[in-house]
Amino acid sequence: MKLLNTVVLHCAVVVGALLTFPSEGIAATPAAGPGQTGDSSWPREKFSNGTRLIIYQPQVDDWKNFQDLSWRMAISLTPKGGKTAVGVVEMKGNTNIDNVAKLVVISNPQVTGTYFPSLDKATADKMEQLFKTFVPPTFSISLYHLIASTPKNQAPAGVQLNNDAPKIFVGYRPSILLSVNGEPVLSVVPNTNLQFVVNTQWPLFLDEGSSTYYLAVGQQWLTPSGLGGQWSATKKLPPEMSKVPQDKQWSALKKFIPPPANTKGVTPDVFYSDKPAEIILFDGQPGYAQIPDTQLEYATNTNSVVFVYKPTQQFYYLTAGRWFSAPDLQGPWTYATPDLPPDFTKIPHSSPASAILVSVPGTDEAPMRVVNRGSDGPFF
């Protein structure tokens, strides 16, 4: 975790893009695809008049009649010249579905509640007003992401929930997780011999003539030896790719077709998975900081929540509201929420790592968990 980038809500189903604030993390982010905002990485960072806001992965609470949406998210807010405060914000808004662009437009977003556990009421009220200055009057999100992120019904009594660990990749340089939900499902790009992969959040195309895939990442195009193989940058696209931006859902790709002669940034590594997966990205080799009064260390050069329990050298990783542990970052990972070392409950509130106390069973903060255990199962 980077300092104060430690809040991860205890959520089972999450929105890929509830607020379109730009991400400044070390992962490459998707270019805009069908019904996408173009950025699905978390956390997201925004500055305004010297104030810094970090928004962590939101959680949908309800989408009533597909018209009234309510959600919550953890934030880190640092006023200009002031101290950082970590809290939880609850919001609601009205939705309108654009079935052509596969977007949901959220209008009249309102803050319905805030919780800053380390602040007195007067200061917390000021922080709430400061956060409201960042809220846009309208914004749009992917229809696919929102449907997938709407809470499912709690599993019936007696049904075994799936707490198997997802595939967890680890990277030490700019990387992306190219996740496809099962085998690629292809749909034709009108008036071309190209197809795009429907069941991924990334703009991923297949040239039928050469059976070659093309992936848009930032300002670059990548092509693989095979979906699960090595990916490399390419400056040569199929001629019919020039027709792709004529389709409204791919219009954002126009400035990248043909590929720019001089692209910014390095070519990222690509981790491909056709099963549920997560990625831990370090900025170089892992760095850790000791947590006072515990035998825990937390990773400081990643936006992921990673701890090491020194007596056993066991790694602990929090994702989608659940803890997994492994003897090594490369795994094997197993479900660990009920078996966290007692030192997790001893993390002092003064520590940048204290934000994860909401996800540690047995702490005073645990009731703040966004969803109960019963709804964790459908995430996988």
Protein backbone atom coordinates (compact mmCIF):
# COMPACT_ATOMS: atom_id res chain seq x y z
CA MET A 1 0.00 0.00 0.00
CA LYS A 2 1.21 3.48 -0.72
CA LEU A 3 0.90 5.74 2.31
CA LEU A 4 -2.76 6.36 3.09
CA ASN A 5 -3.77 4.42 -0.04
CA THR A 6 -4.92 1.65 2.25
CA VAL A 7 -8.69 1.84 2.42
CA VAL A 8 -10.32 -1.07 0.67
CA LEU A 9 -14.03 -1.50 1.29
CA HIS A 10 -15.35 -4.87 2.31
CA CYS A 11 -17.24 -5.37 -0.91
CA ALA A 12 -18.40 -8.39 -2.79
CA VAL A 13 -19.45 -6.77 -6.03
CA VAL A 14 -17.85 -3.56 -7.21
CA VAL A 15 -18.31 -0.94 -9.88
CA GLY A 16 -15.64 -0.71 -12.53
CA ALA A 17 -16.10 3.03 -12.94
CA LEU A 18 -18.46 5.03 -10.73
CA LEU A 19 -16.55 8.29 -10.91
CA THR A 20 -14.39 9.04 -13.90
CA PHE A 21 -11.49 10.57 -12.01
CA PRO A 22 -8.16 9.83 -13.70
CA SER A 23 -5.96 7.19 -12.17
CA GLU A 24 -2.31 7.92 -11.50
CA GLY A 25 -1.32 4.46 -10.34
CA ILE A 26 1.41 2.31 -11.82
CA ALA A 27 -0.97 0.14 -13.83
CA ALA A 28 -1.88 0.91 -17.40
CA THR A 29 -5.59 1.57 -17.85
CA PRO A 30 -7.99 0.51 -20.60
CA ALA A 31 -8.74 2.76 -23.50
CA ALA A 32 -12.42 3.45 -23.94
CA GLY A 33 -14.32 0.43 -25.16
CA PRO A 34 -17.98 -0.29 -25.69
CA GLY A 35 -19.88 1.54 -22.98
CA GLN A 36 -16.75 2.19 -20.95
CA THR A 37 -15.34 5.27 -19.33
CA GLY A 38 -11.82 4.23 -20.29
CA ASP A 39 -10.49 3.66 -16.78
CA SER A 40 -11.23 0.77 -14.45
CA SER A 41 -8.26 0.89 -12.13
CA TRP A 42 -8.42 1.86 -8.47
CA PRO A 43 -7.74 3.94 -6.48
CA ARG A 44 -8.28 7.18 -8.38
CA GLU A 45 -6.77 10.55 -7.59
CA LYS A 46 -7.94 14.11 -8.26
CA PHE A 47 -6.67 17.55 -7.29
CA SER A 48 -8.64 20.79 -6.95
CA ASN A 49 -7.33 24.08 -5.59
CA GLY A 50 -4.57 22.29 -3.73
CA THR A 51 -6.86 19.63 -2.21
CA ARG A 52 -6.08 15.99 -2.95
CA LEU A 53 -8.83 13.37 -3.15
CA ILE A 54 -8.26 9.64 -3.48
CA ILE A 55 -11.29 7.46 -4.21
CA TYR A 56 -11.17 3.72 -3.60
CA GLN A 57 -13.19 1.01 -5.30
CA PRO A 58 -16.92 1.83 -4.85
CA GLN A 59 -19.62 -0.58 -3.70
CA VAL A 60 -23.14 -0.61 -5.12
CA ASP A 61 -25.75 -0.92 -2.38
CA ASP A 62 -28.91 -0.89 -4.51
CA TRP A 63 -30.20 -0.10 -7.99
CA LYS A 64 -33.92 0.25 -7.40
CA ASN A 65 -36.07 -0.28 -10.50
CA PHE A 66 -32.94 0.44 -12.54
CA GLN A 67 -33.59 4.14 -11.87
CA ASP A 68 -32.31 5.00 -8.40
CA LEU A 69 -28.73 4.03 -7.62
CA SER A 70 -27.06 4.10 -4.21
CA TRP A 71 -23.44 3.32 -3.47
CA ARG A 72 -20.59 3.99 -1.07
CA MET A 73 -16.84 4.27 -1.25
CA ALA A 74 -13.81 4.87 0.89
CA ILE A 75 -11.91 8.10 0.37
CA SER A 76 -8.74 9.83 1.49
CA LEU A 77 -9.02 13.63 1.56
CA THR A 78 -6.12 16.03 2.11
CA PRO A 79 -7.01 19.74 2.26
CA LYS A 80 -4.46 22.25 1.03
CA GLY A 81 -1.95 22.65 3.84
CA GLY A 82 -3.98 20.31 6.06
CA LYS A 83 -3.87 16.76 7.35
CA THR A 84 -5.17 13.72 5.52
CA ALA A 85 -8.46 12.20 6.70
CA VAL A 86 -9.75 8.77 5.74
CA GLY A 87 -13.46 8.15 5.60
CA VAL A 88 -16.45 6.53 3.92
CA VAL A 89 -18.93 8.42 1.72
CA GLU A 90 -22.45 7.24 0.87
CA MET A 91 -24.10 8.57 -2.30
CA LYS A 92 -27.18 8.24 -4.47
CA GLY A 93 -28.22 9.36 -7.93
CA ASN A 94 -30.76 8.94 -10.70
CA THR A 95 -29.89 6.77 -13.69
CA ASN A 96 -30.76 6.82 -17.36
CA ILE A 97 -29.69 3.93 -19.60
CA ASP A 98 -28.28 4.54 -23.07
CA ASN A 99 -28.73 1.15 -24.72
CA VAL A 100 -26.96 2.25 -27.90
CA ALA A 101 -23.73 3.31 -26.22
CA LYS A 102 -24.20 0.77 -23.40
CA LEU A 103 -23.78 3.52 -20.82
CA VAL A 104 -25.62 4.52 -17.68
CA VAL A 105 -25.79 8.28 -17.12
CA ILE A 106 -26.00 9.19 -13.43
CA SER A 107 -27.59 12.57 -12.75
CA ASN A 108 -28.25 14.53 -9.57
CA PRO A 109 -25.60 12.69 -7.52
CA GLN A 110 -26.02 13.47 -3.84
CA VAL A 111 -23.94 12.74 -0.74
CA THR A 112 -26.25 11.03 1.72
CA GLY A 113 -23.75 10.36 4.48
CA THR A 114 -20.10 10.55 5.46
CA TYR A 115 -18.05 8.93 8.21
CA PHE A 116 -14.61 10.16 9.26
CA PRO A 117 -13.78 8.10 12.37
CA SER A 118 -10.69 10.11 13.37
CA LEU A 119 -12.31 13.57 13.23
CA ASP A 120 -14.55 15.56 15.56
CA LYS A 121 -17.97 16.52 14.20
CA ALA A 122 -17.06 20.06 13.21
CA THR A 123 -14.00 18.97 11.26
CA ALA A 124 -15.88 16.05 9.73
CA ASP A 125 -18.61 18.42 8.52
CA LYS A 126 -15.97 20.58 6.83
CA MET A 127 -14.50 17.51 5.15
CA GLU A 128 -17.93 16.54 3.86
CA GLN A 129 -18.41 19.97 2.31
CA LEU A 130 -14.93 19.80 0.80
CA PHE A 131 -15.69 16.41 -0.77
CA LYS A 132 -18.91 17.77 -2.28
CA THR A 133 -16.88 20.26 -4.32
CA PHE A 134 -15.47 17.29 -6.27
CA VAL A 135 -18.85 15.78 -7.20
CA PRO A 136 -19.80 16.45 -10.86
CA PRO A 137 -23.42 17.21 -11.82
CA THR A 138 -23.55 14.15 -14.07
CA PHE A 139 -21.25 11.30 -15.08
CA SER A 140 -21.52 8.03 -16.98
CA ILE A 141 -20.45 4.46 -16.34
CA SER A 142 -20.48 1.20 -18.26
CA LEU A 143 -23.84 -0.55 -18.33
CA TYR A 144 -22.02 -3.91 -18.31
CA HIS A 145 -20.06 -2.99 -15.18
CA LEU A 146 -23.08 -1.69 -13.32
CA ILE A 147 -25.19 -4.78 -14.03
CA ALA A 148 -22.34 -7.02 -12.94
CA SER A 149 -21.85 -4.92 -9.82
CA THR A 150 -25.43 -4.83 -8.60
CA PRO A 151 -25.70 -6.81 -5.34
CA LYS A 152 -26.91 -10.36 -5.72
CA ASN A 153 -29.28 -12.07 -3.31
CA GLN A 154 -27.72 -13.59 -0.25
CA ALA A 155 -26.86 -17.25 -0.63
CA PRO A 156 -29.54 -19.56 0.83
CA ALA A 157 -28.86 -21.18 4.17
CA GLY A 158 -26.76 -24.29 3.84
CA VAL A 159 -25.21 -23.28 0.51
CA GLN A 160 -21.41 -23.38 0.56
CA LEU A 161 -20.00 -20.01 -0.49
CA ASN A 162 -17.06 -19.97 -2.86
CA ASN A 163 -14.03 -18.65 -1.01
CA ASP A 164 -11.47 -20.12 -3.38
CA ALA A 165 -8.66 -17.72 -4.10
CA PRO A 166 -8.69 -16.07 -7.53
CA LYS A 167 -5.60 -16.30 -9.68
CA ILE A 168 -3.28 -13.65 -8.24
CA PHE A 169 -0.61 -12.18 -10.50
CA VAL A 170 2.30 -10.13 -9.21
CA GLY A 171 4.10 -7.49 -11.27
CA TYR A 172 7.10 -5.29 -10.56
CA ARG A 173 6.82 -2.87 -13.49
CA PRO A 174 3.91 -1.25 -15.38
CA SER A 175 1.46 -4.07 -16.14
CA ILE A 176 -2.18 -4.74 -16.91
CA LEU A 177 -4.53 -7.59 -16.15
CA LEU A 178 -6.31 -8.64 -19.33
CA SER A 179 -9.24 -10.50 -17.86
CA VAL A 180 -11.70 -12.32 -20.11
CA ASN A 181 -14.72 -14.01 -18.60
CA GLY A 182 -14.18 -17.49 -19.98
CA GLU A 183 -13.44 -18.16 -23.63
CA PRO A 184 -13.48 -14.99 -25.75
CA VAL A 185 -16.95 -14.13 -27.03
CA LEU A 186 -16.63 -12.34 -30.37
CA SER A 187 -18.91 -9.80 -32.03
CA VAL A 188 -18.50 -8.32 -35.50
CA VAL A 189 -17.37 -4.73 -35.96
CA PRO A 190 -19.83 -3.48 -38.61
CA ASN A 191 -18.56 -3.20 -42.18
CA THR A 192 -15.21 -4.80 -41.42
CA ASN A 193 -13.61 -8.22 -41.16
CA LEU A 194 -12.74 -7.39 -37.57
CA GLN A 195 -14.32 -8.70 -34.40
CA PHE A 196 -14.11 -7.45 -30.82
CA VAL A 197 -14.14 -9.45 -27.60
CA VAL A 198 -17.38 -8.75 -25.74
CA ASN A 199 -16.56 -10.37 -22.40
CA THR A 200 -13.65 -8.16 -21.40
CA GLN A 201 -13.40 -4.54 -20.28
CA TRP A 202 -10.46 -3.91 -22.64
CA PRO A 203 -10.66 -2.86 -26.32
CA LEU A 204 -9.53 -6.21 -27.73
CA PHE A 205 -9.96 -6.91 -31.45
CA LEU A 206 -9.42 -9.93 -33.68
CA ASP A 207 -8.43 -9.67 -37.32
CA GLU A 208 -10.21 -12.62 -38.95
CA GLY A 209 -7.83 -12.70 -41.89
CA SER A 210 -4.64 -13.17 -39.88
CA SER A 211 -6.22 -14.53 -36.66
CA THR A 212 -4.25 -11.86 -34.81
CA TYR A 213 -5.45 -10.04 -31.71
CA TYR A 214 -4.90 -6.30 -31.19
CA LEU A 215 -5.20 -4.63 -27.78
CA ALA A 216 -5.42 -0.88 -27.15
CA VAL A 217 -3.54 0.16 -24.00
CA GLY A 218 -3.18 3.87 -23.39
CA GLN A 219 -1.67 5.32 -26.58
CA GLN A 220 -0.24 1.98 -27.67
CA TRP A 221 -1.43 -1.10 -29.53
CA LEU A 222 -0.19 -4.50 -28.44
CA THR A 223 -0.34 -7.84 -30.20
CA PRO A 224 0.45 -11.29 -28.77
CA SER A 225 2.03 -14.53 -29.84
CA GLY A 226 -1.12 -16.00 -28.24
CA LEU A 227 -3.61 -14.62 -25.74
CA GLY A 228 -1.68 -16.20 -22.90
CA GLY A 229 1.71 -15.51 -24.46
CA GLN A 230 4.09 -12.60 -24.78
CA TRP A 231 2.63 -9.26 -25.89
CA SER A 232 4.59 -6.60 -27.76
CA ALA A 233 3.93 -3.13 -29.14
CA THR A 234 3.01 -2.78 -32.81
CA LYS A 235 2.83 0.20 -35.14
CA LYS A 236 1.04 -1.74 -37.86
CA LEU A 237 -2.72 -2.28 -37.70
CA PRO A 238 -5.02 -3.99 -40.20
CA PRO A 239 -6.23 -1.45 -42.80
CA GLU A 240 -9.87 -1.93 -41.77
CA MET A 241 -9.04 -0.82 -38.24
CA SER A 242 -9.44 2.74 -39.57
CA LYS A 243 -13.19 2.08 -39.80
CA VAL A 244 -13.52 1.10 -36.13
CA PRO A 245 -13.91 4.66 -34.71
CA GLN A 246 -16.86 5.22 -37.06
CA ASP A 247 -18.82 3.11 -34.62
CA LYS A 248 -19.89 5.35 -31.71
CA GLN A 249 -18.78 2.89 -29.09
CA TRP A 250 -15.19 2.99 -30.38
CA SER A 251 -14.97 6.71 -31.20
CA ALA A 252 -12.42 7.33 -28.43
CA LEU A 253 -9.91 5.18 -30.33
CA LYS A 254 -9.83 7.53 -33.32
CA LYS A 255 -6.73 9.44 -32.16
CA PHE A 256 -4.83 6.16 -31.74
CA ILE A 257 -5.58 4.82 -35.25
CA PRO A 258 -3.07 4.70 -36.79
CA PRO A 259 -0.79 4.33 -33.74
CA PRO A 260 1.02 7.57 -32.85
CA ALA A 261 4.60 7.71 -34.13
CA ASN A 262 5.91 8.70 -30.71
CA THR A 263 3.95 7.19 -27.84
CA LYS A 264 4.49 8.16 -24.23
CA GLY A 265 5.23 5.65 -21.53
CA VAL A 266 6.67 2.17 -21.48
CA THR A 267 5.04 -0.90 -22.95
CA PRO A 268 3.34 -2.71 -20.08
CA ASP A 269 3.47 -6.39 -19.32
CA VAL A 270 0.17 -8.18 -19.96
CA PHE A 271 -1.19 -10.83 -17.58
CA TYR A 272 -3.96 -12.77 -19.29
CA SER A 273 -6.62 -14.76 -17.47
CA ASP A 274 -9.89 -16.35 -18.54
CA LYS A 275 -10.82 -16.99 -14.90
CA PRO A 276 -11.36 -14.64 -11.92
CA ALA A 277 -8.03 -12.96 -11.24
CA GLU A 278 -6.37 -10.10 -9.38
CA ILE A 279 -3.07 -8.32 -9.86
CA ILE A 280 -0.67 -6.92 -7.26
CA LEU A 281 1.55 -4.27 -8.81
CA PHE A 282 4.70 -3.08 -7.09
CA ASP A 283 6.68 -0.06 -8.20
CA GLY A 284 9.92 -2.03 -8.40
CA GLN A 285 10.87 -4.61 -5.81
CA PRO A 286 8.52 -4.69 -2.77
CA GLY A 287 9.19 -2.26 0.05
CA TYR A 288 7.73 -2.67 3.52
CA ALA A 289 7.21 -0.56 6.64
CA GLN A 290 6.93 -1.81 10.20
CA ILE A 291 3.64 -1.20 12.03
CA PRO A 292 4.32 -0.08 15.64
CA ASP A 293 3.30 -2.41 18.47
CA THR A 294 2.76 -5.31 16.08
CA GLN A 295 4.78 -7.91 14.23
CA LEU A 296 3.25 -6.80 10.95
CA GLU A 297 4.73 -4.98 7.98
CA TYR A 298 2.76 -3.46 5.11
CA ALA A 299 3.86 -2.94 1.53
CA THR A 300 4.54 0.73 0.76
CA ASN A 301 5.09 0.77 -2.99
CA THR A 302 1.82 -0.71 -4.23
CA ASN A 303 -1.82 0.33 -4.29
CA SER A 304 -2.76 -3.19 -3.24
CA VAL A 305 -3.24 -4.13 0.41
CA VAL A 306 -0.36 -6.46 1.25
CA PHE A 307 0.97 -7.37 4.69
CA VAL A 308 3.68 -9.65 6.01
CA TYR A 309 3.40 -11.32 9.41
CA LYS A 310 7.04 -11.54 10.44
CA PRO A 311 6.97 -14.54 12.83
CA THR A 312 5.82 -16.82 10.01
CA GLN A 313 6.82 -14.68 6.98
CA GLN A 314 3.29 -15.25 5.73
CA PHE A 315 1.82 -12.79 3.20
CA TYR A 316 -1.72 -11.45 3.56
CA TYR A 317 -3.62 -9.79 0.70
CA LEU A 318 -7.01 -8.07 0.89
CA THR A 319 -9.16 -8.00 -2.23
CA ALA A 320 -12.92 -7.79 -2.82
CA GLY A 321 -13.49 -7.75 0.93
CA ARG A 322 -11.67 -10.99 1.68
CA TRP A 323 -8.23 -11.85 2.96
CA PHE A 324 -5.99 -14.43 1.34
CA SER A 325 -2.63 -15.66 2.59
CA ALA A 326 0.37 -17.36 1.06
CA PRO A 327 3.91 -18.36 2.09
CA ASP A 328 5.19 -16.48 -0.97
CA LEU A 329 3.86 -13.72 -3.23
CA GLN A 330 3.70 -16.28 -6.03
CA GLY A 331 1.33 -18.39 -3.94
CA PRO A 332 -0.39 -20.69 -3.41
CA TRP A 333 -3.04 -18.37 -1.94
CA THR A 334 -5.79 -19.56 0.39
CA TYR A 335 -8.77 -17.89 2.07
CA ALA A 336 -7.68 -16.37 5.39
CA THR A 337 -10.33 -13.96 6.68
CA PRO A 338 -11.24 -16.11 9.74
CA ASP A 339 -7.57 -16.84 10.50
CA LEU A 340 -5.85 -13.46 10.57
CA PRO A 341 -3.10 -13.14 13.20
CA PRO A 342 -4.30 -11.22 16.31
CA ASP A 343 -1.82 -8.45 15.52
CA PHE A 344 -4.18 -7.18 12.80
CA THR A 345 -6.58 -6.00 15.52
CA LYS A 346 -3.71 -4.13 17.20
CA ILE A 347 -2.87 -1.83 14.29
CA PRO A 348 -2.83 1.67 15.83
CA HIS A 349 -5.07 4.35 14.38
CA SER A 350 -2.02 6.52 13.86
CA SER A 351 -0.68 4.05 11.30
CA PRO A 352 -1.35 4.65 7.57
CA ALA A 353 -2.40 0.98 7.51
CA SER A 354 -5.22 1.52 10.01
CA ALA A 355 -7.83 2.05 7.30
CA ILE A 356 -8.03 -1.72 6.78
CA LEU A 357 -9.38 -2.20 10.31
CA VAL A 358 -12.89 -2.07 8.80
CA SER A 359 -12.00 -5.36 7.11
CA VAL A 360 -10.54 -7.08 10.18
CA PRO A 361 -13.02 -9.25 12.11
CA GLY A 362 -13.24 -8.39 15.79
CA THR A 363 -12.32 -4.71 15.52
CA ASP A 364 -14.55 -1.81 16.51
CA GLU A 365 -14.43 -0.68 12.90
CA ALA A 366 -15.63 -4.00 11.49
CA PRO A 367 -19.35 -3.03 11.62
CA MET A 368 -18.53 -0.46 8.93
CA ARG A 369 -18.14 -3.32 6.48
CA VAL A 370 -20.07 -2.45 3.38
CA VAL A 371 -21.63 -5.86 2.93
CA ASN A 372 -22.02 -8.86 5.16
CA ARG A 373 -20.26 -12.15 4.70
CA GLY A 374 -23.32 -13.72 3.16
CA SER A 375 -22.95 -11.74 -0.06
CA ASP A 376 -19.26 -12.42 -0.65
CA GLY A 377 -19.94 -15.58 -2.60
CA PRO A 378 -21.31 -14.24 -5.91
CA PHE A 379 -18.17 -12.16 -6.53
CA PHE A 380 -16.50 -15.24 -7.99
